[in-house]
Amino acid sequence: MTARHGGQILVDQLKAQGVRRVFSVPGESFLAALDGLYDSGIENIVCRHEGGACMMAEAHAKLTGQPGVVFVTRGPGATNASSGIHVARQDSTPLILFVGQIDNRHRDREAFQEVNYREFFRPIAKWAAEIDHSERLPEYISRAFHQARSGRPGPVVLALPENILSARADAPDIPPVAPMPPSVCGEQIDAVLEMLCKANRPLVVAGGSVWSSAAAQGLAEFAANFGLPVCATFRRMDRIDNRHPNYAGDLAVGMNPKLAQRLREADCLLVLGARLGDIATGGYELVDPADPGKTIIHIHPDPDELGRVFRPDLGLAAPAVDVIDRLSRRDAPAHPDWAAWTKAARADYLDWITPRETPGAVKLEQVIHQLSEALPENAIVTNGAGNYAAFLHRYLRARAFPGHLAPTSGSMGYGFPAAIAAKLEHPDRPVICFAGDGCFQMTLNELSTARQYGANIVVIVCNNGQYGTIRMHQEKTYPGRVSGTQMFNPDYAALARAYGAHGERVERTEDFEAAYARAVASDLPAVIELVLDPDALSPGLTIETARALAQ
């Protein structure tokens, strides 16, 4: 066996795992890894900030179901990337962060940019380790891929001391993670259906990570065959095509009050893949863990998640996609007539997404509604966090997976790097990013990355001149005392043109359609700035009504 330097061993192991693309911000601490990538055939997307790079890798993992891979340098590189690690943790996304590290012979001297990554990442990563022997690189990398994908998927961090990467070693490669056969049997599906079909008011709750277009189609078929209403958890709207007649909406921040009441009244919840957290349950008030008042059938890949908060009446430690595949091929046994219950749930949803007028010359609700109706079947929409997202989640009818990418952690700045990753993975699909002015400014430097790699996405910047979510809470809690929420904004159209992208500014609703057409036709990354009235805090809430609520 020929000795290889550690960087080559690492990259060869990535190739064995089937990695096609990685994201990075270069650093001198992992030069050997960059050398290994040189003629490896693995595409290295070089980003402008480690947070953006990590979010791109996280979005790539969501899209492919395979662990995203990102390389950053030690110290500030790793701490910058931690924002993406937190997204991956809360979103249950498989991801591997490789961090360049100081020479391990200088450890514990507080050498230049030294950080103890085991301790730093322990609270937000599934596993964090540092490799101290070049010959053990394949072992650690194999374990990292297993850890990232097993049970509840999540992020793994591996620190790579500079001398370990540059040293040469004889180390055999380890084969990729072995495929796992479906983990459910017919008897388990029988048990699910037996319990479900005793319900009078059932509700399917779909969410979780590692989804697929086949799973979305299977869920649609299952819902249609059984006549069941289906709702999605927060920012998992594409688990089923939102135009499906059985879709009832999303259990989100500011959810439809009628859907919230339906969740409260349901006598059986079939939870597919979701953790059923605080947002989906209205702060645990709509479904109380101590006294849920309903049957809970919980499907989740991690056995430790079952019973962690809600005691399931039936729990299956299995990937939701496997269970959905089997459910979609079953005939419905005898059960109560759910037609009226399901039809009413759909009617409530359709009423909820009918635009309600807000102040200003640009009506965000109309822009999203028009765009939602016109988008092609294969469109992908991304967003980060902010009050603009409340409009998006309410009025967008997301296409089936992968129709929507957004962070359940509520991380601002996510939508733009996620859109770049989506366009790189699906260059034939239209990719549209919605971002607030505060949200976009956190990662807009990745416009340079989009131009470099030809990721011709359309970014719709919702500019209301403020951190709208915080302003909303501020007006409710300390009405009229505006502090720390106002913003100065650049000319976004001019800024986009400075990056060599297409830029537009829209000041009237009726001008959006033509601006969007020009953006798509430009064959460039494009930014459309919507000038919004700052009084329109969220759908149905203005500054005046927020202050009234505070009285």
Protein backbone atom coordinates (compact mmCIF):
# COMPACT_ATOMS: atom_id res chain seq x y z
CA MET A 1 0.00 0.00 0.00
CA THR A 2 1.30 3.47 -0.91
CA ALA A 3 1.49 6.00 1.88
CA ARG A 4 -0.72 9.07 1.42
CA HIS A 5 -0.83 12.34 3.29
CA GLY A 6 -3.77 12.77 5.63
CA GLY A 7 -5.58 15.20 3.33
CA GLN A 8 -5.54 12.62 0.53
CA ILE A 9 -6.71 9.87 2.89
CA LEU A 10 -9.59 12.11 3.96
CA VAL A 11 -10.68 12.98 0.42
CA ASP A 12 -10.40 9.36 -0.75
CA GLN A 13 -12.68 8.42 2.13
CA LEU A 14 -15.18 11.09 1.05
CA LYS A 15 -15.14 9.64 -2.45
CA ALA A 16 -15.79 6.19 -1.00
CA GLN A 17 -18.83 7.63 0.80
CA GLY A 18 -20.18 8.97 -2.49
CA VAL A 19 -19.62 12.67 -1.77
CA ARG A 20 -20.01 14.73 -4.96
CA ARG A 21 -19.88 18.27 -3.63
CA VAL A 22 -18.46 20.02 -0.57
CA PHE A 23 -18.70 23.62 0.63
CA SER A 24 -15.82 25.54 2.14
CA VAL A 25 -14.05 28.71 3.09
CA PRO A 26 -10.31 28.02 2.67
CA GLY A 27 -7.82 28.15 5.52
CA GLU A 28 -4.16 27.36 5.95
CA SER A 29 -5.05 24.84 8.65
CA PHE A 30 -6.35 22.31 6.09
CA LEU A 31 -4.11 22.87 3.07
CA ALA A 32 -3.52 19.11 2.76
CA ALA A 33 -7.28 18.53 2.44
CA LEU A 34 -7.48 21.21 -0.27
CA ASP A 35 -4.61 19.44 -2.02
CA GLY A 36 -6.53 16.18 -1.80
CA LEU A 37 -9.57 17.84 -3.38
CA TYR A 38 -7.48 19.23 -6.27
CA ASP A 39 -8.09 16.49 -8.84
CA SER A 40 -10.54 14.36 -6.86
CA GLY A 41 -13.62 14.98 -8.98
CA ILE A 42 -15.41 16.34 -5.90
CA GLU A 43 -16.77 19.83 -6.55
CA ASN A 44 -15.61 22.36 -3.96
CA ILE A 45 -17.98 25.33 -3.67
CA VAL A 46 -15.88 28.12 -2.18
CA CYS A 47 -18.05 30.48 -0.13
CA ARG A 48 -17.61 33.93 1.38
CA HIS A 49 -18.48 33.19 5.01
CA GLU A 50 -18.38 29.99 7.04
CA GLY A 51 -21.96 30.45 8.23
CA GLY A 52 -23.14 30.61 4.63
CA ALA A 53 -21.01 27.60 3.68
CA CYS A 54 -22.42 25.51 6.51
CA MET A 55 -26.00 26.51 5.65
CA MET A 56 -25.40 25.55 2.02
CA ALA A 57 -24.14 22.15 3.11
CA GLU A 58 -27.16 21.75 5.39
CA ALA A 59 -29.55 22.61 2.55
CA HIS A 60 -27.68 20.21 0.24
CA ALA A 61 -28.28 17.45 2.79
CA LYS A 62 -31.98 18.28 3.00
CA LEU A 63 -32.25 18.03 -0.78
CA THR A 64 -30.29 14.81 -1.22
CA GLY A 65 -30.85 12.92 2.03
CA GLN A 66 -27.07 12.43 2.22
CA PRO A 67 -24.78 14.16 4.73
CA GLY A 68 -23.71 17.63 3.68
CA VAL A 69 -19.97 18.25 3.95
CA VAL A 70 -18.29 21.54 4.80
CA PHE A 71 -14.66 22.53 5.44
CA VAL A 72 -13.70 25.56 7.57
CA THR A 73 -10.56 26.72 9.27
CA ARG A 74 -9.83 26.80 13.00
CA GLY A 75 -10.97 29.42 15.50
CA PRO A 76 -13.16 32.08 13.87
CA GLY A 77 -13.88 29.77 10.92
CA ALA A 78 -15.40 27.18 13.22
CA THR A 79 -17.27 29.66 15.39
CA ASN A 80 -18.73 31.33 12.29
CA ALA A 81 -19.86 27.92 11.03
CA SER A 82 -21.61 27.10 14.31
CA SER A 83 -24.73 28.95 13.15
CA GLY A 84 -25.19 26.30 10.46
CA ILE A 85 -24.50 23.52 12.94
CA HIS A 86 -27.34 24.78 15.11
CA VAL A 87 -29.67 24.77 12.08
CA ALA A 88 -28.68 21.17 11.32
CA ARG A 89 -29.23 20.14 14.93
CA GLN A 90 -32.73 21.59 15.25
CA ASP A 91 -33.69 20.49 11.73
CA SER A 92 -32.33 16.93 12.25
CA THR A 93 -30.14 17.25 9.15
CA PRO A 94 -27.16 14.94 8.50
CA LEU A 95 -24.05 17.10 8.15
CA ILE A 96 -20.30 16.77 8.69
CA LEU A 97 -18.16 19.80 9.53
CA PHE A 98 -14.41 19.37 9.08
CA VAL A 99 -12.47 21.97 11.06
CA GLY A 100 -8.80 22.65 10.54
CA GLN A 101 -7.01 22.60 13.88
CA ILE A 102 -3.66 23.67 15.32
CA ASP A 103 -0.75 21.26 15.38
CA ASN A 104 -1.78 18.88 18.18
CA ARG A 105 1.71 19.04 19.69
CA HIS A 106 0.86 22.62 20.71
CA ARG A 107 -2.47 21.77 22.31
CA ASP A 108 -3.45 23.43 25.63
CA ARG A 109 -1.05 26.36 25.15
CA GLU A 110 -3.79 28.63 23.72
CA ALA A 111 -1.94 28.64 20.44
CA PHE A 112 -3.09 30.86 17.57
CA GLN A 113 -6.84 30.26 17.00
CA GLU A 114 -6.91 27.25 19.31
CA VAL A 115 -10.35 26.06 20.41
CA ASN A 116 -11.41 22.86 22.17
CA TYR A 117 -13.95 21.74 19.58
CA ARG A 118 -15.20 18.78 21.58
CA GLU A 119 -16.37 21.15 24.30
CA PHE A 120 -17.43 23.98 22.02
CA PHE A 121 -19.71 21.89 19.80
CA ARG A 122 -20.86 19.31 22.35
CA PRO A 123 -24.25 20.99 23.08
CA ILE A 124 -25.26 21.42 19.42
CA ALA A 125 -23.63 18.50 17.57
CA LYS A 126 -24.47 14.80 17.69
CA TRP A 127 -20.77 14.03 18.02
CA ALA A 128 -17.64 16.18 18.11
CA ALA A 129 -14.16 14.64 17.99
CA GLU A 130 -10.56 15.40 17.13
CA ILE A 131 -8.33 13.02 15.18
CA ASP A 132 -4.87 12.48 16.63
CA HIS A 133 -3.50 9.74 14.33
CA SER A 134 -3.36 9.97 10.53
CA GLU A 135 -3.91 6.22 10.11
CA ARG A 136 -7.24 6.51 11.96
CA LEU A 137 -8.73 9.05 9.56
CA PRO A 138 -10.84 6.42 7.71
CA GLU A 139 -12.19 5.07 11.01
CA TYR A 140 -13.27 8.50 12.27
CA ILE A 141 -14.75 9.54 8.94
CA SER A 142 -16.72 6.31 8.65
CA ARG A 143 -18.06 6.82 12.16
CA ALA A 144 -18.95 10.43 11.32
CA PHE A 145 -21.10 9.34 8.36
CA HIS A 146 -22.79 6.67 10.47
CA GLN A 147 -23.48 9.12 13.31
CA ALA A 148 -24.80 11.84 11.01
CA ARG A 149 -27.33 9.49 9.41
CA SER A 150 -28.38 7.16 12.21
CA GLY A 151 -31.45 7.52 14.42
CA ARG A 152 -32.36 11.18 14.52
CA PRO A 153 -29.96 12.60 11.91
CA GLY A 154 -27.79 15.53 12.86
CA PRO A 155 -24.44 17.33 12.58
CA VAL A 156 -21.04 15.85 13.37
CA VAL A 157 -17.85 17.88 13.86
CA LEU A 158 -14.37 16.49 13.21
CA ALA A 159 -11.33 18.59 14.10
CA LEU A 160 -8.27 17.92 11.93
CA PRO A 161 -4.90 18.94 13.43
CA GLU A 162 -2.67 20.42 10.76
CA ASN A 163 0.16 17.97 11.37
CA ILE A 164 -2.22 14.99 11.16
CA LEU A 165 -3.41 16.10 7.73
CA SER A 166 0.09 16.71 6.40
CA ALA A 167 1.62 13.48 7.79
CA ARG A 168 1.79 10.41 5.55
CA ALA A 169 0.37 7.05 6.56
CA ASP A 170 -0.60 3.63 5.24
CA ALA A 171 -4.33 3.51 5.94
CA PRO A 172 -6.80 1.30 4.07
CA ASP A 173 -10.06 2.93 3.00
CA ILE A 174 -13.27 1.82 4.67
CA PRO A 175 -16.32 1.08 2.47
CA PRO A 176 -19.31 3.46 2.62
CA VAL A 177 -22.14 3.24 5.12
CA ALA A 178 -24.04 0.04 4.38
CA PRO A 179 -27.63 0.48 3.16
CA MET A 180 -30.26 -0.28 5.77
CA PRO A 181 -33.26 -2.39 4.80
CA PRO A 182 -36.72 -1.00 5.63
CA SER A 183 -37.19 -1.26 9.36
CA VAL A 184 -40.94 -1.92 9.57
CA CYS A 185 -42.94 -5.06 9.05
CA GLY A 186 -46.51 -5.79 8.08
CA GLU A 187 -47.59 -6.44 11.66
CA GLN A 188 -46.43 -2.96 12.72
CA ILE A 189 -48.41 -1.35 9.90
CA ASP A 190 -51.42 -3.43 10.93
CA ALA A 191 -51.11 -2.02 14.46
CA VAL A 192 -50.94 1.55 13.16
CA LEU A 193 -54.02 1.11 10.99
CA GLU A 194 -55.99 -0.68 13.69
CA MET A 195 -55.48 2.19 16.13
CA LEU A 196 -55.96 4.90 13.49
CA CYS A 197 -59.21 3.45 12.19
CA LYS A 198 -60.85 3.60 15.62
CA ALA A 199 -60.63 7.40 15.55
CA ASN A 200 -63.50 9.71 14.72
CA ARG A 201 -61.40 12.85 14.18
CA PRO A 202 -57.91 11.78 13.06
CA LEU A 203 -55.20 14.14 11.90
CA VAL A 204 -51.96 13.23 10.14
CA VAL A 205 -48.99 15.38 11.18
CA ALA A 206 -46.05 15.13 8.75
CA GLY A 207 -42.58 16.54 9.36
CA GLY A 208 -39.06 15.54 10.23
CA SER A 209 -36.00 15.27 8.02
CA VAL A 210 -34.60 13.05 5.24
CA TRP A 211 -37.66 13.21 3.01
CA SER A 212 -38.00 12.35 -0.69
CA SER A 213 -40.29 13.03 -3.64
CA ALA A 214 -41.45 9.41 -3.36
CA ALA A 215 -42.38 9.96 0.30
CA ALA A 216 -44.36 13.09 -0.59
CA GLN A 217 -46.20 11.18 -3.31
CA GLY A 218 -46.77 8.25 -0.98
CA LEU A 219 -48.21 10.52 1.70
CA ALA A 220 -50.55 12.06 -0.88
CA GLU A 221 -51.74 8.60 -1.95
CA PHE A 222 -52.23 7.45 1.64
CA ALA A 223 -54.22 10.58 2.48
CA ALA A 224 -56.42 10.16 -0.60
CA ASN A 225 -57.00 6.42 -0.10
CA PHE A 226 -58.04 6.86 3.53
CA GLY A 227 -59.68 10.28 3.23
CA LEU A 228 -57.44 11.76 5.94
CA PRO A 229 -56.58 15.42 6.58
CA VAL A 230 -52.83 16.08 6.54
CA CYS A 231 -50.97 19.00 8.09
CA ALA A 232 -47.26 19.76 8.08
CA THR A 233 -45.11 20.91 10.96
CA PHE A 234 -43.28 24.25 11.01
CA ARG A 235 -41.32 24.81 7.79
CA ARG A 236 -41.93 21.28 6.49
CA MET A 237 -44.67 22.40 4.11
CA ASP A 238 -43.40 20.35 1.16
CA ARG A 239 -44.04 16.98 2.84
CA ILE A 240 -47.13 16.94 0.61
CA ASP A 241 -48.16 19.16 -2.29
CA ASN A 242 -50.14 21.96 -0.67
CA ARG A 243 -52.61 21.86 -3.57
CA HIS A 244 -53.66 18.34 -2.57
CA PRO A 245 -57.35 18.28 -1.54
CA ASN A 246 -56.48 16.68 1.82
CA TYR A 247 -53.87 19.25 2.87
CA ALA A 248 -55.05 21.27 5.87
CA GLY A 249 -52.16 23.68 6.52
CA ASP A 250 -49.06 23.92 8.68
CA LEU A 251 -48.64 23.85 12.44
CA ALA A 252 -46.51 26.96 12.45
CA VAL A 253 -45.82 30.18 14.29
CA GLY A 254 -49.04 32.16 13.90
CA MET A 255 -50.94 29.09 12.66
CA ASN A 256 -54.49 29.25 11.39
CA PRO A 257 -56.68 29.46 14.53
CA LYS A 258 -59.12 27.01 12.96
CA LEU A 259 -56.31 24.51 12.39
CA ALA A 260 -55.17 25.04 15.97
CA GLN A 261 -58.70 24.24 17.15
CA ARG A 262 -58.79 21.18 14.89
CA LEU A 263 -55.54 19.96 16.43
CA ARG A 264 -57.06 20.45 19.87
CA GLU A 265 -60.25 18.57 18.91
CA ALA A 266 -58.57 15.67 17.08
CA ASP A 267 -58.95 12.37 18.91
CA CYS A 268 -55.98 10.72 17.15
CA LEU A 269 -52.70 12.09 15.82
CA LEU A 270 -50.60 10.06 13.40
CA VAL A 271 -47.22 11.80 13.66
CA LEU A 272 -44.92 10.92 10.76
CA GLY A 273 -41.28 11.85 11.31
CA ALA A 274 -41.86 14.98 13.40
CA ARG A 275 -40.71 15.44 16.98
CA LEU A 276 -43.99 17.21 17.82
CA GLY A 277 -42.35 20.18 19.52
CA ASP A 278 -43.51 23.43 21.06
CA ILE A 279 -44.32 25.27 17.81
CA ALA A 280 -46.45 22.45 16.41
CA THR A 281 -48.41 22.22 19.65
CA GLY A 282 -48.83 25.93 20.33
CA GLY A 283 -46.37 25.98 23.21
CA TYR A 284 -47.69 22.58 24.42
CA GLU A 285 -51.10 24.18 25.06
CA LEU A 286 -53.00 22.68 22.10
CA VAL A 287 -51.62 19.25 23.00
CA ASP A 288 -50.54 18.98 26.63
CA PRO A 289 -47.82 16.35 27.25
CA ALA A 290 -49.30 15.67 30.68
CA ASP A 291 -52.82 15.17 29.37
CA PRO A 292 -53.00 15.12 25.54
CA GLY A 293 -56.61 13.97 25.50
CA LYS A 294 -56.09 12.02 22.30
CA THR A 295 -54.43 8.90 20.94
CA ILE A 296 -50.91 9.52 19.67
CA ILE A 297 -49.28 7.24 17.09
CA HIS A 298 -45.69 8.41 16.77
CA ILE A 299 -43.33 7.35 13.96
CA HIS A 300 -39.76 8.56 14.41
CA PRO A 301 -36.38 7.04 13.46
CA ASP A 302 -34.83 7.59 16.88
CA PRO A 303 -36.13 5.33 19.67
CA ASP A 304 -34.90 7.86 22.23
CA GLU A 305 -37.27 10.47 20.78
CA LEU A 306 -40.32 8.29 21.34
CA GLY A 307 -41.74 9.14 24.76
CA ARG A 308 -39.23 11.94 25.29
CA VAL A 309 -41.98 14.58 25.55
CA PHE A 310 -45.24 12.92 24.56
CA ARG A 311 -46.07 9.39 25.61
CA PRO A 312 -47.19 7.59 22.44
CA ASP A 313 -50.02 5.09 22.55
CA LEU A 314 -48.13 3.39 19.75
CA GLY A 315 -44.54 4.25 18.90
CA LEU A 316 -42.49 2.93 15.98
CA ALA A 317 -38.76 3.58 15.85
CA ALA A 318 -38.56 3.73 12.06
CA PRO A 319 -37.92 6.24 9.26
CA ALA A 320 -41.17 7.93 8.26
CA VAL A 321 -40.39 7.33 4.59
CA ASP A 322 -40.45 3.55 5.13
CA VAL A 323 -43.75 3.67 7.01
CA ILE A 324 -45.33 5.97 4.42
CA ASP A 325 -44.26 3.66 1.61
CA ARG A 326 -46.09 0.77 3.25
CA LEU A 327 -49.13 2.83 4.22
CA SER A 328 -49.53 4.10 0.67
CA ARG A 329 -49.87 0.53 -0.61
CA ARG A 330 -52.54 -0.50 1.89
CA ASP A 331 -56.27 -0.56 1.31
CA ALA A 332 -58.29 1.28 3.91
CA PRO A 333 -59.98 -1.06 6.40
CA ALA A 334 -63.37 -0.21 7.85
CA HIS A 335 -63.35 3.09 9.72
CA PRO A 336 -65.71 5.95 10.63
CA ASP A 337 -66.69 8.35 7.86
CA TRP A 338 -64.02 11.07 7.90
CA ALA A 339 -65.21 12.89 4.76
CA ALA A 340 -66.87 15.84 6.45
CA TRP A 341 -63.97 16.28 8.91
CA THR A 342 -61.41 16.29 6.09
CA LYS A 343 -63.48 18.51 3.80
CA ALA A 344 -63.93 21.08 6.58
CA ALA A 345 -60.18 21.06 7.29
CA ARG A 346 -59.47 21.80 3.63
CA ALA A 347 -62.08 24.56 3.51
CA ASP A 348 -60.50 26.21 6.56
CA TYR A 349 -57.12 26.11 4.84
CA LEU A 350 -58.41 27.63 1.58
CA ASP A 351 -60.08 30.43 3.51
CA TRP A 352 -56.85 31.04 5.45
CA ILE A 353 -54.75 31.48 2.29
CA THR A 354 -57.19 33.95 0.72
CA PRO A 355 -55.18 37.21 0.84
CA ARG A 356 -56.14 39.75 3.49
CA GLU A 357 -55.15 43.27 2.54
CA THR A 358 -52.30 45.00 4.37
CA PRO A 359 -51.16 48.65 4.22
CA GLY A 360 -48.81 50.01 1.58
CA ALA A 361 -48.40 50.27 -2.18
CA VAL A 362 -46.75 46.83 -2.33
CA LYS A 363 -49.03 44.15 -0.93
CA LEU A 364 -46.79 41.26 0.08
CA GLU A 365 -49.77 38.95 0.41
CA GLN A 366 -50.72 39.62 -3.23
CA VAL A 367 -47.15 39.18 -4.49
CA ILE A 368 -46.82 35.79 -2.79
CA HIS A 369 -50.30 34.68 -3.82
CA GLN A 370 -49.67 35.60 -7.48
CA LEU A 371 -46.27 33.95 -7.52
CA SER A 372 -47.58 30.83 -5.77
CA GLU A 373 -50.25 30.38 -8.42
CA ALA A 374 -47.79 30.90 -11.30
CA LEU A 375 -44.77 28.87 -10.19
CA PRO A 376 -43.93 25.75 -12.22
CA GLU A 377 -44.48 22.29 -10.75
CA ASN A 378 -40.80 21.84 -9.95
CA ALA A 379 -40.18 25.20 -8.26
CA ILE A 380 -38.18 25.39 -5.02
CA VAL A 381 -38.78 28.25 -2.57
CA THR A 382 -36.44 29.06 0.30
CA ASN A 383 -36.53 31.50 3.18
CA GLY A 384 -34.79 32.41 6.40
CA ALA A 385 -36.57 34.07 9.31
CA GLY A 386 -38.49 37.27 9.93
CA ASN A 387 -42.04 38.54 9.81
CA TYR A 388 -42.03 38.37 6.00
CA ALA A 389 -41.92 34.58 6.45
CA ALA A 390 -45.33 34.66 8.13
CA PHE A 391 -46.74 35.98 4.84
CA LEU A 392 -44.84 33.32 2.91
CA HIS A 393 -45.94 30.38 5.07
CA ARG A 394 -49.54 31.57 4.96
CA TYR A 395 -49.93 32.38 1.26
CA LEU A 396 -47.43 30.09 -0.47
CA ARG A 397 -48.80 26.78 -1.70
CA ALA A 398 -45.58 24.79 -1.64
CA ARG A 399 -45.02 22.09 -4.21
CA ALA A 400 -44.20 18.57 -3.09
CA PHE A 401 -40.66 17.81 -1.94
CA PRO A 402 -38.30 19.47 -2.57
CA GLY A 403 -40.61 22.47 -2.87
CA HIS A 404 -39.61 24.41 0.24
CA LEU A 405 -36.43 24.85 2.30
CA ALA A 406 -36.44 26.81 5.55
CA PRO A 407 -34.87 26.50 9.02
CA THR A 408 -37.04 25.22 11.85
CA SER A 409 -34.51 26.89 14.16
CA GLY A 410 -35.66 30.31 12.93
CA SER A 411 -32.20 31.26 11.70
CA MET A 412 -32.00 34.55 9.81
CA GLY A 413 -29.81 34.54 6.72
CA TYR A 414 -30.56 30.91 5.82
CA GLY A 415 -32.73 31.33 2.74
CA PHE A 416 -30.10 32.76 0.39
CA PRO A 417 -27.32 30.17 0.89
CA ALA A 418 -29.99 27.44 0.86
CA ALA A 419 -31.21 28.73 -2.50
CA ILE A 420 -27.67 28.60 -3.91
CA ALA A 421 -27.31 24.98 -2.78
CA ALA A 422 -30.70 24.15 -4.30
CA LYS A 423 -29.81 25.67 -7.66
CA LEU A 424 -26.46 23.87 -7.76
CA GLU A 425 -28.20 20.55 -7.08
CA HIS A 426 -31.16 21.27 -9.39
CA PRO A 427 -29.94 23.69 -12.09
CA ASP A 428 -33.01 22.92 -14.23
CA ARG A 429 -35.48 24.07 -11.55
CA PRO A 430 -36.57 27.63 -10.75
CA VAL A 431 -35.33 28.55 -7.27
CA ILE A 432 -36.79 31.57 -5.49
CA CYS A 433 -35.53 32.91 -2.16
CA PHE A 434 -37.64 35.16 0.04
CA ALA A 435 -35.65 37.22 2.51
CA GLY A 436 -36.30 40.17 4.78
CA ASP A 437 -34.00 43.16 4.66
CA GLY A 438 -32.45 42.09 7.95
CA CYS A 439 -32.37 38.44 6.90
CA PHE A 440 -30.74 39.08 3.52
CA GLN A 441 -28.01 41.32 4.91
CA MET A 442 -26.72 38.46 7.05
CA THR A 443 -25.59 36.39 4.04
CA LEU A 444 -25.89 38.61 0.94
CA ASN A 445 -22.13 38.41 0.43
CA GLU A 446 -22.83 34.96 -1.02
CA LEU A 447 -24.01 36.82 -4.16
CA SER A 448 -20.37 36.49 -5.12
CA THR A 449 -20.61 32.71 -4.70
CA ALA A 450 -23.81 32.59 -6.76
CA ARG A 451 -22.13 34.50 -9.60
CA GLN A 452 -18.98 32.38 -9.46
CA TYR A 453 -20.85 29.10 -9.83
CA GLY A 454 -23.74 30.24 -12.01
CA ALA A 455 -26.48 29.74 -9.42
CA ASN A 456 -29.09 31.89 -11.14
CA ILE A 457 -31.70 32.21 -8.44
CA VAL A 458 -34.22 34.98 -7.82
CA VAL A 459 -34.08 36.69 -4.41
CA ILE A 460 -37.14 38.66 -3.34
CA VAL A 461 -36.08 41.07 -0.60
CA CYS A 462 -38.95 42.22 1.61
CA ASN A 463 -37.71 45.63 2.74
CA ASN A 464 -39.66 47.27 5.56
CA GLY A 465 -36.67 49.06 7.07
CA GLN A 466 -36.74 47.23 10.38
CA TYR A 467 -36.29 43.97 12.23
CA GLY A 468 -40.01 43.32 11.84
CA THR A 469 -40.45 40.33 14.15
CA ILE A 470 -38.76 42.09 17.04
CA ARG A 471 -40.66 45.30 16.30
CA MET A 472 -43.91 43.31 16.45
CA HIS A 473 -43.07 41.87 19.86
CA GLN A 474 -41.81 45.27 20.97
CA GLU A 475 -45.10 46.95 20.08
CA LYS A 476 -47.03 44.26 21.92
CA THR A 477 -44.89 44.49 25.06
CA TYR A 478 -43.61 48.09 25.12
CA PRO A 479 -45.96 49.92 22.72
CA GLY A 480 -44.60 53.05 21.08
CA ARG A 481 -41.11 52.64 22.57
CA VAL A 482 -39.14 51.75 19.43
CA SER A 483 -35.63 50.73 20.42
CA GLY A 484 -32.98 48.80 18.52
CA THR A 485 -35.21 47.61 15.67
CA GLN A 486 -34.77 50.26 12.95
CA MET A 487 -32.42 49.63 10.03
CA PHE A 488 -30.53 51.51 7.34
CA ASN A 489 -30.66 49.65 4.05
CA PRO A 490 -28.55 49.82 0.90
CA ASP A 491 -29.96 50.16 -2.60
CA TYR A 492 -30.40 46.41 -3.09
CA ALA A 493 -30.84 46.63 -6.86
CA ALA A 494 -27.62 48.64 -7.22
CA LEU A 495 -25.81 46.28 -4.85
CA ALA A 496 -26.90 43.29 -6.93
CA ARG A 497 -25.63 44.96 -10.10
CA ALA A 498 -22.29 45.63 -8.36
CA TYR A 499 -21.95 41.86 -7.97
CA GLY A 500 -22.75 41.38 -11.66
CA ALA A 501 -26.27 40.21 -10.88
CA HIS A 502 -29.63 41.55 -12.03
CA GLY A 503 -31.30 44.12 -9.75
CA GLU A 504 -34.82 45.58 -9.61
CA ARG A 505 -36.78 47.76 -7.20
CA VAL A 506 -40.56 47.36 -6.97
CA GLU A 507 -42.68 50.08 -5.37
CA ARG A 508 -46.15 48.99 -6.56
CA THR A 509 -47.76 45.56 -6.50
CA GLU A 510 -48.75 45.79 -10.16
CA ASP A 511 -45.09 46.17 -11.17
CA PHE A 512 -43.93 42.90 -9.61
CA GLU A 513 -45.00 40.49 -12.34
CA ALA A 514 -42.98 42.23 -15.06
CA ALA A 515 -39.99 42.65 -12.74
CA TYR A 516 -40.03 38.95 -11.93
CA ALA A 517 -40.20 38.05 -15.64
CA ARG A 518 -37.17 40.24 -16.34
CA ALA A 519 -35.28 38.69 -13.43
CA VAL A 520 -35.88 35.17 -14.73
CA ALA A 521 -34.97 36.18 -18.29
CA SER A 522 -31.71 37.81 -17.19
CA ASP A 523 -29.98 34.43 -16.85
CA LEU A 524 -28.18 35.81 -13.81
CA PRO A 525 -28.66 35.72 -10.07
CA ALA A 526 -31.34 38.36 -9.51
CA VAL A 527 -32.50 40.53 -6.62
CA ILE A 528 -35.96 42.11 -6.56
CA GLU A 529 -36.42 44.60 -3.73
CA LEU A 530 -40.01 45.04 -2.56
CA VAL A 531 -40.51 48.37 -0.78
CA LEU A 532 -42.99 47.53 1.98
CA ASP A 533 -44.94 49.66 4.42
CA PRO A 534 -43.30 49.26 7.86
CA ASP A 535 -46.78 49.37 9.40
CA ALA A 536 -47.58 45.92 7.97
CA LEU A 537 -45.92 43.81 10.65
CA SER A 538 -47.50 40.49 9.72
CA PRO A 539 -50.69 39.19 8.08
CA GLY A 540 -53.57 40.82 9.91
CA LEU A 541 -51.33 42.80 12.29
CA THR A 542 -50.30 46.45 11.99
CA ILE A 543 -48.43 48.64 14.45
CA GLU A 544 -51.74 50.15 15.49
CA THR A 545 -53.39 46.78 16.19
CA ALA A 546 -50.25 45.52 17.97
CA ARG A 547 -50.38 48.51 20.31
CA ALA A 548 -54.09 47.94 20.85
CA LEU A 549 -53.36 44.36 21.89
CA ALA A 550 -50.91 45.67 24.47
CA GLN A 551 -53.60 47.73 26.20
